[in-house]
Structures are given as C-alpha cells and as structure tokens.
Amino acid sequence: MPAVGLDIAAPAVAYGRAVGLLDEGFVENLETAPPSPELHRATRGTRLITVTGGSSFLSARTFRPLLEGRRELPWVAAFVLRTGSYRDTADGLAALGMTTEKDTSRTYRQRRFTDPDEQRYALAAVSAAGDDPRGEETDGCFHTALHLSRPVAQAAALPLHALLRDR
C-alpha cells in the first residue's frame, strides 16, 4: 500500500519524499480549501490515516472531504498532544459514523521542550485537562495520547484495549 503524505508545509512533504517515507506527497490545507483532484485520487483507497503532531491545527473539516461518500471508512489514528483536546474532531468524525477511543494505558513521547517556558505551559495545560504530567511532561518532553477513530461496528467488534493488548 502506498504511503501518501499531506501537510501545509512544503519542506515537510519534501523531506518525507526525499527519505523514502512517502510515495506521494501533497501540500494542501484542507481546513481552508477542498482537496485537489490529485489528492482525492491518491487517497481513494486509504485504509489508515495517521496524525502525528498536527491535531491541534485540525478539525473535522480536514477529514470530511476525504471521508464523505465512502463505502468503507478508513481508521484515523491521531497522536494528540496532552496539552489539547481531540473532542471537536472526534465529534465531527462521529457525524460520519465513526467512534473514537483513547488509549489510557500509556502516553507516547513526541519531542523535547524547547525551553522552560514551553515546559511550564505544558505542565499547566496537562493538569488543567485533568491528566497527571508526572513521569511524562515533568521529564522534559511533550507526550501524546493515541485517539483511534473508526467505524462504530469495527470498534465494537474489537475494542481498543483488546487491539493494544499484545503490543
């Protein structure tokens, strides 16, 4: 299956292509414009969409034009910084027949903080969201939580905790 990349930053797409991570790459902003015919064609058979680090800039507007009208919806695996919320996107995906589960068993390290101010912000935001930053953000890195959105029947047949059990 080909790997198709999408970002609003041309250098990110170019890097992914240059190092062989992407078979195709598109520089588009689906928050502000519909997908190009080329992007629509390239993503027609997509079974998995991953988001790593962009969820704070995205909403259901990004996903809707790629998902509407499909017979089979792809899964969306979003690694969301614990400083933010995925609720609006999850609600938008729910309107398309998807449900979102959050992996509460662990966090996933994203990157080191650039300075003490960024860490202070993250500690306050994670705490305000009701999560405990000890052992994660207190150790000097942003952490994410996995949010997996997929068709309701598929999630019911294999809940996230069972899917991750043998990881």
N, C-alpha and C. Protein backbone atom coordinates (compact mmCIF):
# COMPACT_ATOMS: atom_id res chain seq x y z
N MET A 1 0.84 -1.17 0.00
CA MET A 1 0.00 0.00 0.00
C MET A 1 0.89 1.25 0.00
N PRO A 2 0.66 2.18 -0.88
CA PRO A 2 1.49 3.39 -0.92
C PRO A 2 1.24 4.28 0.30
N ALA A 3 2.26 5.00 0.68
CA ALA A 3 2.16 5.98 1.76
C ALA A 3 2.01 7.36 1.13
N VAL A 4 0.91 8.03 1.47
CA VAL A 4 0.61 9.35 0.93
C VAL A 4 0.70 10.34 2.07
N GLY A 5 1.46 11.41 1.88
CA GLY A 5 1.63 12.43 2.90
C GLY A 5 0.89 13.69 2.55
N LEU A 6 0.42 14.38 3.58
CA LEU A 6 -0.29 15.64 3.41
C LEU A 6 0.16 16.57 4.52
N ASP A 7 0.55 17.77 4.14
CA ASP A 7 0.95 18.78 5.12
C ASP A 7 0.82 20.14 4.45
N ILE A 8 0.66 21.18 5.25
CA ILE A 8 0.63 22.52 4.67
C ILE A 8 2.05 23.06 4.47
N ALA A 9 3.04 22.36 5.02
CA ALA A 9 4.43 22.80 4.91
C ALA A 9 5.15 22.02 3.81
N ALA A 10 5.52 22.70 2.76
CA ALA A 10 6.23 22.06 1.66
C ALA A 10 7.52 21.36 2.09
N PRO A 11 8.33 21.95 3.01
CA PRO A 11 9.54 21.25 3.43
C PRO A 11 9.27 19.91 4.11
N ALA A 12 8.17 19.81 4.84
CA ALA A 12 7.83 18.54 5.49
C ALA A 12 7.52 17.47 4.45
N VAL A 13 6.75 17.83 3.46
CA VAL A 13 6.41 16.88 2.40
C VAL A 13 7.66 16.52 1.60
N ALA A 14 8.47 17.50 1.28
CA ALA A 14 9.69 17.24 0.52
C ALA A 14 10.62 16.31 1.30
N TYR A 15 10.75 16.51 2.58
CA TYR A 15 11.60 15.65 3.41
C TYR A 15 11.07 14.21 3.38
N GLY A 16 9.76 14.04 3.57
CA GLY A 16 9.18 12.71 3.56
C GLY A 16 9.42 11.98 2.25
N ARG A 17 9.34 12.71 1.16
CA ARG A 17 9.61 12.12 -0.16
C ARG A 17 11.09 11.80 -0.31
N ALA A 18 11.95 12.73 0.10
CA ALA A 18 13.40 12.57 -0.09
C ALA A 18 13.96 11.37 0.66
N VAL A 19 13.45 11.11 1.85
CA VAL A 19 13.99 10.00 2.64
C VAL A 19 13.23 8.70 2.44
N GLY A 20 12.26 8.70 1.53
CA GLY A 20 11.56 7.48 1.19
C GLY A 20 10.41 7.10 2.10
N LEU A 21 9.96 8.02 2.94
CA LEU A 21 8.81 7.73 3.81
C LEU A 21 7.49 7.83 3.07
N LEU A 22 7.47 8.63 1.99
CA LEU A 22 6.24 8.87 1.25
C LEU A 22 6.41 8.48 -0.21
N ASP A 23 5.38 7.84 -0.74
CA ASP A 23 5.35 7.56 -2.17
C ASP A 23 4.82 8.77 -2.94
N GLU A 24 3.88 9.47 -2.33
CA GLU A 24 3.32 10.69 -2.89
C GLU A 24 3.17 11.69 -1.75
N GLY A 25 3.26 12.97 -2.08
CA GLY A 25 3.09 14.00 -1.06
C GLY A 25 2.34 15.18 -1.62
N PHE A 26 1.51 15.78 -0.78
CA PHE A 26 0.68 16.91 -1.20
C PHE A 26 0.80 18.04 -0.20
N VAL A 27 0.95 19.24 -0.71
CA VAL A 27 1.00 20.44 0.11
C VAL A 27 -0.36 21.13 -0.06
N GLU A 28 -1.24 20.86 0.89
CA GLU A 28 -2.60 21.41 0.83
C GLU A 28 -3.08 21.65 2.25
N ASN A 29 -4.03 22.56 2.39
CA ASN A 29 -4.64 22.86 3.68
C ASN A 29 -6.13 22.59 3.57
N LEU A 30 -6.56 21.45 4.05
CA LEU A 30 -7.96 21.06 3.93
C LEU A 30 -8.84 21.77 4.94
N GLU A 31 -8.26 22.54 5.83
CA GLU A 31 -9.05 23.38 6.73
C GLU A 31 -9.62 24.58 5.98
N THR A 32 -8.94 24.97 4.89
CA THR A 32 -9.35 26.19 4.18
C THR A 32 -9.80 25.96 2.74
N ALA A 33 -9.53 24.79 2.19
CA ALA A 33 -9.89 24.53 0.79
C ALA A 33 -10.15 23.04 0.60
N PRO A 34 -10.96 22.69 -0.38
CA PRO A 34 -11.20 21.26 -0.65
C PRO A 34 -9.94 20.61 -1.21
N PRO A 35 -9.87 19.29 -1.11
CA PRO A 35 -8.69 18.61 -1.66
C PRO A 35 -8.65 18.73 -3.18
N SER A 36 -7.44 18.76 -3.69
CA SER A 36 -7.27 18.78 -5.14
C SER A 36 -7.75 17.43 -5.70
N PRO A 37 -8.08 17.41 -6.98
CA PRO A 37 -8.45 16.12 -7.60
C PRO A 37 -7.34 15.08 -7.46
N GLU A 38 -6.08 15.52 -7.51
CA GLU A 38 -4.95 14.59 -7.38
C GLU A 38 -4.89 13.98 -5.98
N LEU A 39 -5.11 14.80 -4.95
CA LEU A 39 -5.12 14.27 -3.58
C LEU A 39 -6.31 13.33 -3.39
N HIS A 40 -7.44 13.71 -3.90
CA HIS A 40 -8.63 12.85 -3.79
C HIS A 40 -8.36 11.49 -4.43
N ARG A 41 -7.75 11.49 -5.61
CA ARG A 41 -7.41 10.23 -6.30
C ARG A 41 -6.43 9.41 -5.48
N ALA A 42 -5.40 10.06 -4.96
CA ALA A 42 -4.34 9.35 -4.24
C ALA A 42 -4.84 8.74 -2.93
N THR A 43 -5.87 9.31 -2.34
CA THR A 43 -6.35 8.82 -1.04
C THR A 43 -7.61 7.97 -1.15
N ARG A 44 -8.08 7.72 -2.34
CA ARG A 44 -9.34 6.98 -2.53
C ARG A 44 -9.35 5.64 -1.81
N GLY A 45 -8.26 4.89 -1.84
CA GLY A 45 -8.23 3.57 -1.22
C GLY A 45 -7.61 3.55 0.17
N THR A 46 -7.43 4.70 0.78
CA THR A 46 -6.78 4.79 2.08
C THR A 46 -7.52 3.97 3.13
N ARG A 47 -6.76 3.20 3.91
CA ARG A 47 -7.35 2.39 4.99
C ARG A 47 -6.98 2.93 6.36
N LEU A 48 -5.89 3.73 6.43
CA LEU A 48 -5.44 4.28 7.70
C LEU A 48 -4.91 5.68 7.48
N ILE A 49 -5.40 6.61 8.28
CA ILE A 49 -4.89 7.98 8.30
C ILE A 49 -4.20 8.15 9.64
N THR A 50 -2.96 8.61 9.61
CA THR A 50 -2.26 8.88 10.87
C THR A 50 -2.01 10.38 11.00
N VAL A 51 -2.10 10.85 12.22
CA VAL A 51 -1.82 12.25 12.53
C VAL A 51 -0.79 12.23 13.65
N THR A 52 0.36 12.83 13.38
CA THR A 52 1.43 12.87 14.37
C THR A 52 1.90 14.30 14.54
N GLY A 53 1.27 14.99 15.46
CA GLY A 53 1.72 16.34 15.76
C GLY A 53 0.89 17.44 15.15
N GLY A 54 -0.11 17.15 14.38
CA GLY A 54 -0.89 18.21 13.75
C GLY A 54 -2.29 18.37 14.28
N SER A 55 -2.67 17.55 15.26
CA SER A 55 -4.07 17.54 15.67
C SER A 55 -4.53 18.87 16.26
N SER A 56 -3.63 19.66 16.79
CA SER A 56 -4.05 20.95 17.36
C SER A 56 -4.43 21.95 16.27
N PHE A 57 -4.06 21.67 15.02
CA PHE A 57 -4.38 22.56 13.91
C PHE A 57 -5.53 22.03 13.06
N LEU A 58 -6.02 20.83 13.37
CA LEU A 58 -7.01 20.18 12.54
C LEU A 58 -8.38 20.16 13.19
N SER A 59 -9.39 19.98 12.34
CA SER A 59 -10.75 19.76 12.81
C SER A 59 -11.37 18.73 11.88
N ALA A 60 -12.63 18.45 12.08
CA ALA A 60 -13.32 17.51 11.18
C ALA A 60 -13.34 18.03 9.75
N ARG A 61 -13.18 19.35 9.56
CA ARG A 61 -13.11 19.93 8.20
C ARG A 61 -12.01 19.29 7.37
N THR A 62 -10.90 18.94 8.00
CA THR A 62 -9.80 18.32 7.27
C THR A 62 -10.19 16.94 6.75
N PHE A 63 -10.90 16.18 7.57
CA PHE A 63 -11.20 14.79 7.24
C PHE A 63 -12.45 14.63 6.38
N ARG A 64 -13.44 15.48 6.60
CA ARG A 64 -14.74 15.31 5.93
C ARG A 64 -14.65 15.12 4.42
N PRO A 65 -13.94 15.98 3.68
CA PRO A 65 -13.94 15.80 2.22
C PRO A 65 -13.22 14.53 1.75
N LEU A 66 -12.36 13.98 2.59
CA LEU A 66 -11.68 12.74 2.22
C LEU A 66 -12.49 11.50 2.59
N LEU A 67 -13.48 11.67 3.50
CA LEU A 67 -14.21 10.52 4.02
C LEU A 67 -15.65 10.42 3.53
N GLU A 68 -16.27 11.56 3.25
CA GLU A 68 -17.68 11.54 2.86
C GLU A 68 -17.90 10.72 1.60
N GLY A 69 -18.98 9.95 1.60
CA GLY A 69 -19.35 9.19 0.43
C GLY A 69 -18.61 7.88 0.24
N ARG A 70 -17.75 7.52 1.15
CA ARG A 70 -17.02 6.25 1.02
C ARG A 70 -17.88 5.09 1.52
N ARG A 71 -17.71 3.95 0.87
CA ARG A 71 -18.38 2.73 1.36
C ARG A 71 -17.70 2.23 2.62
N GLU A 72 -16.37 2.28 2.62
CA GLU A 72 -15.59 1.84 3.79
C GLU A 72 -14.77 3.02 4.29
N LEU A 73 -14.98 3.36 5.56
CA LEU A 73 -14.22 4.46 6.15
C LEU A 73 -12.88 3.96 6.66
N PRO A 74 -11.82 4.71 6.43
CA PRO A 74 -10.51 4.32 6.99
C PRO A 74 -10.48 4.62 8.49
N TRP A 75 -9.54 4.01 9.17
CA TRP A 75 -9.30 4.34 10.57
C TRP A 75 -8.48 5.62 10.61
N VAL A 76 -8.65 6.39 11.68
CA VAL A 76 -7.85 7.59 11.92
C VAL A 76 -7.15 7.40 13.25
N ALA A 77 -5.83 7.29 13.22
CA ALA A 77 -5.01 7.15 14.42
C ALA A 77 -4.31 8.49 14.65
N ALA A 78 -4.78 9.22 15.65
CA ALA A 78 -4.23 10.55 15.91
C ALA A 78 -3.48 10.54 17.24
N PHE A 79 -2.23 10.96 17.18
CA PHE A 79 -1.43 11.12 18.39
C PHE A 79 -1.54 12.59 18.80
N VAL A 80 -2.35 12.83 19.82
CA VAL A 80 -2.76 14.18 20.21
C VAL A 80 -1.96 14.62 21.44
N LEU A 81 -1.34 15.79 21.33
CA LEU A 81 -0.63 16.32 22.50
C LEU A 81 -1.58 16.38 23.68
N ARG A 82 -1.09 16.02 24.84
CA ARG A 82 -1.93 16.02 26.04
C ARG A 82 -2.26 17.44 26.50
N THR A 83 -1.70 18.43 25.85
CA THR A 83 -2.00 19.83 26.16
C THR A 83 -3.27 20.31 25.47
N GLY A 84 -3.83 19.50 24.58
CA GLY A 84 -5.00 19.91 23.82
C GLY A 84 -6.11 18.88 23.88
N SER A 85 -7.12 19.11 23.09
CA SER A 85 -8.29 18.23 23.06
C SER A 85 -8.53 17.74 21.63
N TYR A 86 -9.06 16.55 21.53
CA TYR A 86 -9.44 15.97 20.24
C TYR A 86 -10.96 15.94 20.10
N ARG A 87 -11.66 16.49 21.07
CA ARG A 87 -13.12 16.38 21.14
C ARG A 87 -13.81 16.88 19.88
N ASP A 88 -13.48 18.06 19.38
CA ASP A 88 -14.17 18.61 18.20
C ASP A 88 -13.98 17.72 16.97
N THR A 89 -12.77 17.22 16.78
CA THR A 89 -12.52 16.33 15.65
C THR A 89 -13.28 15.02 15.83
N ALA A 90 -13.24 14.45 17.03
CA ALA A 90 -13.96 13.20 17.30
C ALA A 90 -15.45 13.38 17.07
N ASP A 91 -16.00 14.52 17.48
CA ASP A 91 -17.43 14.80 17.26
C ASP A 91 -17.74 14.87 15.77
N GLY A 92 -16.86 15.51 15.01
CA GLY A 92 -17.06 15.60 13.56
C GLY A 92 -16.98 14.25 12.89
N LEU A 93 -16.07 13.39 13.35
CA LEU A 93 -15.97 12.05 12.79
C LEU A 93 -17.17 11.21 13.20
N ALA A 94 -17.71 11.46 14.37
CA ALA A 94 -18.91 10.73 14.82
C ALA A 94 -20.08 11.00 13.87
N ALA A 95 -20.16 12.21 13.37
CA ALA A 95 -21.23 12.55 12.43
C ALA A 95 -21.11 11.75 11.13
N LEU A 96 -19.93 11.18 10.87
CA LEU A 96 -19.71 10.35 9.68
C LEU A 96 -19.86 8.86 9.98
N GLY A 97 -20.22 8.53 11.24
CA GLY A 97 -20.41 7.13 11.62
C GLY A 97 -19.21 6.48 12.28
N MET A 98 -18.32 7.32 12.82
CA MET A 98 -17.12 6.79 13.47
C MET A 98 -17.18 7.04 14.97
N THR A 99 -16.53 6.20 15.72
CA THR A 99 -16.40 6.41 17.15
C THR A 99 -14.92 6.54 17.48
N THR A 100 -14.61 7.26 18.53
CA THR A 100 -13.22 7.50 18.91
C THR A 100 -12.95 6.93 20.29
N GLU A 101 -11.89 6.14 20.39
CA GLU A 101 -11.43 5.60 21.67
C GLU A 101 -10.05 6.18 21.96
N LYS A 102 -9.78 6.41 23.22
CA LYS A 102 -8.49 6.95 23.65
C LYS A 102 -7.72 5.88 24.41
N ASP A 103 -6.46 5.71 24.07
CA ASP A 103 -5.59 4.79 24.80
C ASP A 103 -5.21 5.45 26.11
N THR A 104 -5.75 4.94 27.20
CA THR A 104 -5.46 5.49 28.52
C THR A 104 -4.39 4.69 29.25
N SER A 105 -3.84 3.65 28.58
CA SER A 105 -2.87 2.78 29.23
C SER A 105 -1.45 3.34 29.20
N ARG A 106 -1.21 4.29 28.30
CA ARG A 106 0.15 4.84 28.21
C ARG A 106 0.11 6.14 27.42
N THR A 107 1.24 6.84 27.45
CA THR A 107 1.41 8.02 26.61
C THR A 107 2.53 7.72 25.62
N TYR A 108 2.67 8.61 24.65
CA TYR A 108 3.67 8.43 23.60
C TYR A 108 4.50 9.71 23.51
N ARG A 109 5.80 9.58 23.72
CA ARG A 109 6.68 10.74 23.69
C ARG A 109 6.69 11.36 22.30
N GLN A 110 6.60 12.70 22.27
CA GLN A 110 6.64 13.37 20.98
C GLN A 110 7.97 14.05 20.75
N ARG A 111 8.28 15.05 21.57
CA ARG A 111 9.57 15.74 21.41
C ARG A 111 9.94 16.45 22.70
N ARG A 112 11.22 16.84 22.79
CA ARG A 112 11.69 17.60 23.97
C ARG A 112 11.14 19.02 23.92
N PHE A 113 11.01 19.61 25.09
CA PHE A 113 10.60 21.02 25.16
C PHE A 113 11.74 21.89 24.67
N THR A 114 11.39 23.00 24.04
CA THR A 114 12.42 23.90 23.53
C THR A 114 13.03 24.75 24.63
N ASP A 115 12.26 25.00 25.69
CA ASP A 115 12.77 25.82 26.79
C ASP A 115 11.88 25.64 28.01
N PRO A 116 12.28 26.18 29.17
CA PRO A 116 11.50 26.02 30.40
C PRO A 116 10.09 26.62 30.30
N ASP A 117 9.92 27.70 29.54
CA ASP A 117 8.58 28.28 29.39
C ASP A 117 7.63 27.31 28.70
N GLU A 118 8.13 26.62 27.67
CA GLU A 118 7.28 25.65 26.98
C GLU A 118 6.89 24.51 27.92
N GLN A 119 7.83 24.09 28.75
CA GLN A 119 7.53 23.02 29.70
C GLN A 119 6.51 23.49 30.73
N ARG A 120 6.66 24.72 31.24
CA ARG A 120 5.69 25.25 32.21
C ARG A 120 4.29 25.29 31.61
N TYR A 121 4.22 25.75 30.35
CA TYR A 121 2.93 25.77 29.65
C TYR A 121 2.33 24.36 29.59
N ALA A 122 3.14 23.38 29.18
CA ALA A 122 2.65 22.01 29.04
C ALA A 122 2.20 21.44 30.38
N LEU A 123 2.95 21.67 31.42
CA LEU A 123 2.57 21.16 32.75
C LEU A 123 1.22 21.73 33.18
N ALA A 124 1.04 23.02 32.96
CA ALA A 124 -0.22 23.67 33.34
C ALA A 124 -1.38 23.16 32.47
N ALA A 125 -1.15 23.02 31.17
CA ALA A 125 -2.23 22.59 30.26
C ALA A 125 -2.63 21.15 30.51
N VAL A 126 -1.67 20.28 30.74
CA VAL A 126 -1.97 18.88 31.01
C VAL A 126 -2.74 18.75 32.32
N SER A 127 -2.30 19.48 33.33
CA SER A 127 -3.00 19.45 34.61
C SER A 127 -4.42 20.01 34.47
N ALA A 128 -4.58 21.10 33.72
CA ALA A 128 -5.91 21.70 33.52
C ALA A 128 -6.84 20.74 32.78
N ALA A 129 -6.27 19.86 31.94
CA ALA A 129 -7.08 18.88 31.21
C ALA A 129 -7.45 17.69 32.09
N GLY A 130 -6.94 17.67 33.33
CA GLY A 130 -7.26 16.59 34.25
C GLY A 130 -6.32 15.41 34.20
N ASP A 131 -5.20 15.56 33.50
CA ASP A 131 -4.21 14.48 33.42
C ASP A 131 -3.03 14.80 34.34
N ASP A 132 -2.27 13.79 34.66
CA ASP A 132 -1.12 13.93 35.55
C ASP A 132 0.16 14.00 34.72
N PRO A 133 0.90 15.11 34.79
CA PRO A 133 2.13 15.24 33.99
C PRO A 133 3.34 14.52 34.59
N ARG A 134 3.21 13.99 35.82
CA ARG A 134 4.36 13.34 36.47
C ARG A 134 4.82 12.13 35.67
N GLY A 135 6.12 12.07 35.43
CA GLY A 135 6.70 10.95 34.69
C GLY A 135 6.60 11.09 33.19
N GLU A 136 5.89 12.09 32.72
CA GLU A 136 5.81 12.36 31.30
C GLU A 136 6.36 13.77 31.04
N GLU A 137 5.50 14.77 31.04
CA GLU A 137 5.93 16.13 30.76
C GLU A 137 6.94 16.64 31.80
N THR A 138 6.86 16.15 33.03
CA THR A 138 7.84 16.56 34.04
C THR A 138 9.25 16.08 33.69
N ASP A 139 9.33 15.07 32.83
CA ASP A 139 10.63 14.54 32.43
C ASP A 139 11.23 15.24 31.21
N GLY A 140 10.58 16.32 30.74
CA GLY A 140 11.20 17.15 29.71
C GLY A 140 10.70 16.99 28.29
N CYS A 141 9.62 16.24 28.08
CA CYS A 141 9.11 16.03 26.72
C CYS A 141 7.59 16.20 26.66
N PHE A 142 7.14 16.68 25.52
CA PHE A 142 5.70 16.61 25.23
C PHE A 142 5.34 15.14 25.09
N HIS A 143 4.16 14.80 25.55
CA HIS A 143 3.63 13.45 25.36
C HIS A 143 2.28 13.55 24.68
N THR A 144 1.95 12.51 23.92
CA THR A 144 0.67 12.45 23.23
C THR A 144 -0.13 11.27 23.77
N ALA A 145 -1.42 11.30 23.45
CA ALA A 145 -2.30 10.16 23.70
C ALA A 145 -2.82 9.71 22.34
N LEU A 146 -2.93 8.41 22.16
CA LEU A 146 -3.48 7.86 20.93
C LEU A 146 -5.00 7.92 20.99
N HIS A 147 -5.58 8.51 19.96
CA HIS A 147 -7.03 8.53 19.77
C HIS A 147 -7.28 7.77 18.47
N LEU A 148 -8.04 6.67 18.56
CA LEU A 148 -8.32 5.87 17.37
C LEU A 148 -9.79 6.02 17.01
N SER A 149 -10.03 6.58 15.82
CA SER A 149 -11.39 6.75 15.31
C SER A 149 -11.61 5.74 14.20
N ARG A 150 -12.76 5.06 14.26
CA ARG A 150 -13.08 4.05 13.25
C ARG A 150 -14.57 3.78 13.25
N PRO A 151 -15.06 3.07 12.25
CA PRO A 151 -16.49 2.78 12.21
C PRO A 151 -16.96 2.11 13.50
N VAL A 152 -18.15 2.48 13.93
CA VAL A 152 -18.71 2.02 15.21
C VAL A 152 -18.69 0.50 15.30
N ALA A 153 -19.15 -0.20 14.28
CA ALA A 153 -19.22 -1.66 14.33
C ALA A 153 -17.83 -2.29 14.49
N GLN A 154 -16.82 -1.72 13.86
CA GLN A 154 -15.46 -2.26 13.99
C GLN A 154 -14.93 -2.06 15.41
N ALA A 155 -15.21 -0.91 15.99
CA ALA A 155 -14.76 -0.65 17.36
C ALA A 155 -15.48 -1.56 18.35
N ALA A 156 -16.75 -1.83 18.11
CA ALA A 156 -17.50 -2.72 18.99
C ALA A 156 -16.97 -4.15 18.90
N ALA A 157 -16.59 -4.58 17.70
CA ALA A 157 -16.09 -5.94 17.49
C ALA A 157 -14.71 -6.15 18.10
N LEU A 158 -13.89 -5.10 18.12
CA LEU A 158 -12.53 -5.19 18.66
C LEU A 158 -12.18 -3.88 19.36
N PRO A 159 -12.54 -3.77 20.63
CA PRO A 159 -12.25 -2.52 21.36
C PRO A 159 -10.75 -2.23 21.40
N LEU A 160 -10.43 -0.96 21.55
CA LEU A 160 -9.03 -0.52 21.53
C LEU A 160 -8.18 -1.26 22.54
N HIS A 161 -8.67 -1.45 23.75
CA HIS A 161 -7.85 -2.13 24.77
C HIS A 161 -7.49 -3.55 24.33
N ALA A 162 -8.39 -4.22 23.62
CA ALA A 162 -8.09 -5.57 23.11
C ALA A 162 -7.12 -5.50 21.94
N LEU A 163 -7.26 -4.50 21.12
CA LEU A 163 -6.37 -4.32 19.97
C LEU A 163 -4.93 -4.08 20.44
N LEU A 164 -4.78 -3.33 21.52
CA LEU A 164 -3.44 -2.98 22.02
C LEU A 164 -2.87 -4.00 23.02
N ARG A 165 -3.66 -4.97 23.42
CA ARG A 165 -3.25 -5.92 24.45
C ARG A 165 -1.92 -6.59 24.14
N ASP A 166 -1.68 -6.97 22.91
CA ASP A 166 -0.48 -7.73 22.55
C ASP A 166 0.63 -6.86 22.00
N ARG A 167 0.63 -5.59 22.31
CA ARG A 167 1.64 -4.71 21.72
C ARG A 167 2.98 -4.93 22.28
